[in-house]
């Protein structure tokens, strides 16, 4: 955090704002927790655990909203889409899929 969320004064790495005297300990703790949760989401994404990545990202958003969270969410959605494209052809070879007849296009004769 670079500025006090109350008076927007520049912070000098202290827990108290030099201008308004606000105690920023809880705010800074929430910000650190949000950064840890985003890091956890990225680690889970690298491992391929998309459910854990979504949970970590949700936790980060409850602590602090950040524009970078949208980027992480887009990565998770992209990985989910890739996973679905990979699974769909595999499902075509299952017994259930072979029992369903393919849809025949209608022929219109004029």
C-alpha atoms as a PDB file:
ATOM      1  CA  UNK A   1       0.000   0.000   0.000  1.00  0.00           C
ATOM      2  CA  UNK A   2       1.475   3.279  -1.071  1.00  0.00           C
ATOM      3  CA  UNK A   3      -1.173   5.690   0.196  1.00  0.00           C
ATOM      4  CA  UNK A   4      -3.466   5.982   3.173  1.00  0.00           C
ATOM      5  CA  UNK A   5      -6.958   4.798   2.138  1.00  0.00           C
ATOM      6  CA  UNK A   6      -8.539   7.550   4.271  1.00  0.00           C
ATOM      7  CA  UNK A   7      -6.628  10.741   3.461  1.00  0.00           C
ATOM      8  CA  UNK A   8      -4.506   9.539   0.486  1.00  0.00           C
ATOM      9  CA  UNK A   9      -1.238  10.669   2.121  1.00  0.00           C
ATOM     10  CA  UNK A  10       1.924   8.856   1.063  1.00  0.00           C
ATOM     11  CA  UNK A  11       2.914   6.161   3.520  1.00  0.00           C
ATOM     12  CA  UNK A  12       6.454   5.707   4.733  1.00  0.00           C
ATOM     13  CA  UNK A  13       6.225   2.007   5.591  1.00  0.00           C
ATOM     14  CA  UNK A  14       4.627   2.670   8.975  1.00  0.00           C
ATOM     15  CA  UNK A  15       1.434   1.258  10.465  1.00  0.00           C
ATOM     16  CA  UNK A  16       0.166   4.763  11.231  1.00  0.00           C
ATOM     17  CA  UNK A  17      -0.618   7.469   8.719  1.00  0.00           C
ATOM     18  CA  UNK A  18       1.556  10.523   9.301  1.00  0.00           C
ATOM     19  CA  UNK A  19      -1.210  12.912   8.213  1.00  0.00           C
ATOM     20  CA  UNK A  20      -4.466  11.599   9.729  1.00  0.00           C
ATOM     21  CA  UNK A  21      -3.048   9.182  12.309  1.00  0.00           C
ATOM     22  CA  UNK A  22      -5.149   6.214  11.102  1.00  0.00           C
ATOM     23  CA  UNK A  23      -3.996   2.788  12.259  1.00  0.00           C
ATOM     24  CA  UNK A  24      -3.449   0.805   9.071  1.00  0.00           C
ATOM     25  CA  UNK A  25      -2.428  -2.511  10.639  1.00  0.00           C
ATOM     26  CA  UNK A  26      -5.624  -4.369   9.687  1.00  0.00           C
ATOM     27  CA  UNK A  27      -5.717  -2.874   6.201  1.00  0.00           C
ATOM     28  CA  UNK A  28      -2.107  -3.879   5.559  1.00  0.00           C
ATOM     29  CA  UNK A  29      -2.763  -7.365   6.947  1.00  0.00           C
ATOM     30  CA  UNK A  30      -5.737  -7.788   4.582  1.00  0.00           C
ATOM     31  CA  UNK A  31      -3.610  -6.609   1.666  1.00  0.00           C
ATOM     32  CA  UNK A  32      -0.867  -9.128   2.493  1.00  0.00           C
ATOM     33  CA  UNK A  33      -3.476 -11.884   2.829  1.00  0.00           C
ATOM     34  CA  UNK A  34      -4.909 -10.984  -0.580  1.00  0.00           C
ATOM     35  CA  UNK A  35      -1.440 -11.133  -2.150  1.00  0.00           C
ATOM     36  CA  UNK A  36      -0.840 -14.554  -0.567  1.00  0.00           C
ATOM     37  CA  UNK A  37      -4.216 -15.798  -1.823  1.00  0.00           C
ATOM     38  CA  UNK A  38      -3.458 -14.641  -5.385  1.00  0.00           C
ATOM     39  CA  UNK A  39      -0.057 -16.335  -5.198  1.00  0.00           C
ATOM     40  CA  UNK A  40      -1.829 -19.491  -4.025  1.00  0.00           C
ATOM     41  CA  UNK A  41      -4.262 -19.232  -6.930  1.00  0.00           C
ATOM     42  CA  UNK A  42      -1.392 -18.961  -9.402  1.00  0.00           C
ATOM     43  CA  UNK A  43       0.408 -21.923  -7.816  1.00  0.00           C
ATOM     44  CA  UNK A  44      -2.773 -24.004  -7.996  1.00  0.00           C
ATOM     45  CA  UNK A  45      -3.185 -22.963 -11.626  1.00  0.00           C
ATOM     46  CA  UNK A  46       0.339 -24.153 -12.418  1.00  0.00           C
ATOM     47  CA  UNK A  47      -0.423 -27.485 -10.705  1.00  0.00           C
ATOM     48  CA  UNK A  48      -3.600 -27.763 -12.768  1.00  0.00           C
ATOM     49  CA  UNK A  49      -5.911 -27.631  -9.738  1.00  0.00           C
ATOM     50  CA  UNK A  50      -8.477 -25.193 -11.121  1.00  0.00           C
ATOM     51  CA  UNK A  51     -10.937 -25.622  -8.248  1.00  0.00           C
ATOM     52  CA  UNK A  52      -8.312 -24.631  -5.680  1.00  0.00           C
ATOM     53  CA  UNK A  53      -7.295 -21.692  -7.881  1.00  0.00           C
ATOM     54  CA  UNK A  54     -10.884 -20.424  -7.939  1.00  0.00           C
ATOM     55  CA  UNK A  55     -11.213 -20.769  -4.163  1.00  0.00           C
ATOM     56  CA  UNK A  56      -7.971 -18.849  -3.591  1.00  0.00           C
ATOM     57  CA  UNK A  57      -9.000 -16.133  -6.012  1.00  0.00           C
ATOM     58  CA  UNK A  58     -12.389 -15.800  -4.305  1.00  0.00           C
ATOM     59  CA  UNK A  59     -10.591 -15.436  -0.951  1.00  0.00           C
ATOM     60  CA  UNK A  60      -8.340 -12.735  -2.408  1.00  0.00           C
ATOM     61  CA  UNK A  61     -11.335 -10.832  -3.744  1.00  0.00           C
ATOM     62  CA  UNK A  62     -13.048 -10.868  -0.361  1.00  0.00           C
ATOM     63  CA  UNK A  63      -9.957  -9.338   1.218  1.00  0.00           C
ATOM     64  CA  UNK A  64      -9.165  -6.751  -1.441  1.00  0.00           C
ATOM     65  CA  UNK A  65     -10.346  -6.038  -4.982  1.00  0.00           C
ATOM     66  CA  UNK A  66      -7.563  -5.576  -7.494  1.00  0.00           C
ATOM     67  CA  UNK A  67      -7.522  -5.226 -11.297  1.00  0.00           C
ATOM     68  CA  UNK A  68      -5.033  -8.105 -11.505  1.00  0.00           C
ATOM     69  CA  UNK A  69      -7.655 -10.497 -10.157  1.00  0.00           C
ATOM     70  CA  UNK A  70      -9.495 -10.288 -13.481  1.00  0.00           C
ATOM     71  CA  UNK A  71      -6.364 -11.471 -15.253  1.00  0.00           C
ATOM     72  CA  UNK A  72      -6.048 -14.501 -12.957  1.00  0.00           C
ATOM     73  CA  UNK A  73      -9.746 -15.252 -13.459  1.00  0.00           C
ATOM     74  CA  UNK A  74      -9.254 -15.112 -17.233  1.00  0.00           C
ATOM     75  CA  UNK A  75      -6.369 -17.590 -16.924  1.00  0.00           C
ATOM     76  CA  UNK A  76      -8.579 -19.966 -14.942  1.00  0.00           C
ATOM     77  CA  UNK A  77     -11.396 -19.690 -17.509  1.00  0.00           C
ATOM     78  CA  UNK A  78      -8.928 -20.277 -20.332  1.00  0.00           C
ATOM     79  CA  UNK A  79      -7.567 -23.406 -18.641  1.00  0.00           C
ATOM     80  CA  UNK A  80     -11.117 -24.698 -18.040  1.00  0.00           C
ATOM     81  CA  UNK A  81     -11.939 -24.215 -21.722  1.00  0.00           C
ATOM     82  CA  UNK A  82      -8.756 -26.024 -22.781  1.00  0.00           C
ATOM     83  CA  UNK A  83      -9.579 -28.864 -20.415  1.00  0.00           C
ATOM     84  CA  UNK A  84     -13.101 -29.182 -21.830  1.00  0.00           C
ATOM     85  CA  UNK A  85     -11.822 -29.243 -25.416  1.00  0.00           C
ATOM     86  CA  UNK A  86      -9.410 -32.020 -24.451  1.00  0.00           C
ATOM     87  CA  UNK A  87     -12.094 -34.077 -22.691  1.00  0.00           C
ATOM     88  CA  UNK A  88     -14.826 -33.728 -25.340  1.00  0.00           C
ATOM     89  CA  UNK A  89     -13.103 -35.901 -28.020  1.00  0.00           C
ATOM     90  CA  UNK A  90     -12.348 -38.532 -25.395  1.00  0.00           C
ATOM     91  CA  UNK A  91     -16.029 -38.712 -24.485  1.00  0.00           C
ATOM     92  CA  UNK A  92     -16.926 -39.381 -28.128  1.00  0.00           C
ATOM     93  CA  UNK A  93     -15.363 -42.840 -27.836  1.00  0.00           C
ATOM     94  CA  UNK A  94     -17.389 -43.922 -24.805  1.00  0.00           C
ATOM     95  CA  UNK A  95     -20.150 -46.508 -25.052  1.00  0.00           C
ATOM     96  CA  UNK A  96     -22.884 -43.973 -24.301  1.00  0.00           C
ATOM     97  CA  UNK A  97     -21.780 -41.732 -27.128  1.00  0.00           C
ATOM     98  CA  UNK A  98     -21.740 -44.659 -29.585  1.00  0.00           C
ATOM     99  CA  UNK A  99     -25.335 -45.567 -28.694  1.00  0.00           C
ATOM    100  CA  UNK A 100     -26.615 -42.119 -29.652  1.00  0.00           C
ATOM    101  CA  UNK A 101     -27.173 -41.970 -33.400  1.00  0.00           C
ATOM    102  CA  UNK A 102     -25.645 -38.986 -35.154  1.00  0.00           C
ATOM    103  CA  UNK A 103     -28.003 -36.229 -36.192  1.00  0.00           C
ATOM    104  CA  UNK A 104     -28.746 -36.474 -39.871  1.00  0.00           C
ATOM    105  CA  UNK A 105     -29.158 -33.223 -41.748  1.00  0.00           C
ATOM    106  CA  UNK A 106     -32.540 -32.768 -43.339  1.00  0.00           C
ATOM    107  CA  UNK A 107     -32.697 -32.696 -47.055  1.00  0.00           C
ATOM    108  CA  UNK A 108     -35.124 -30.308 -48.554  1.00  0.00           C
ATOM    109  CA  UNK A 109     -36.338 -31.063 -52.026  1.00  0.00           C
ATOM    110  CA  UNK A 110     -37.931 -28.261 -53.896  1.00  0.00           C
END
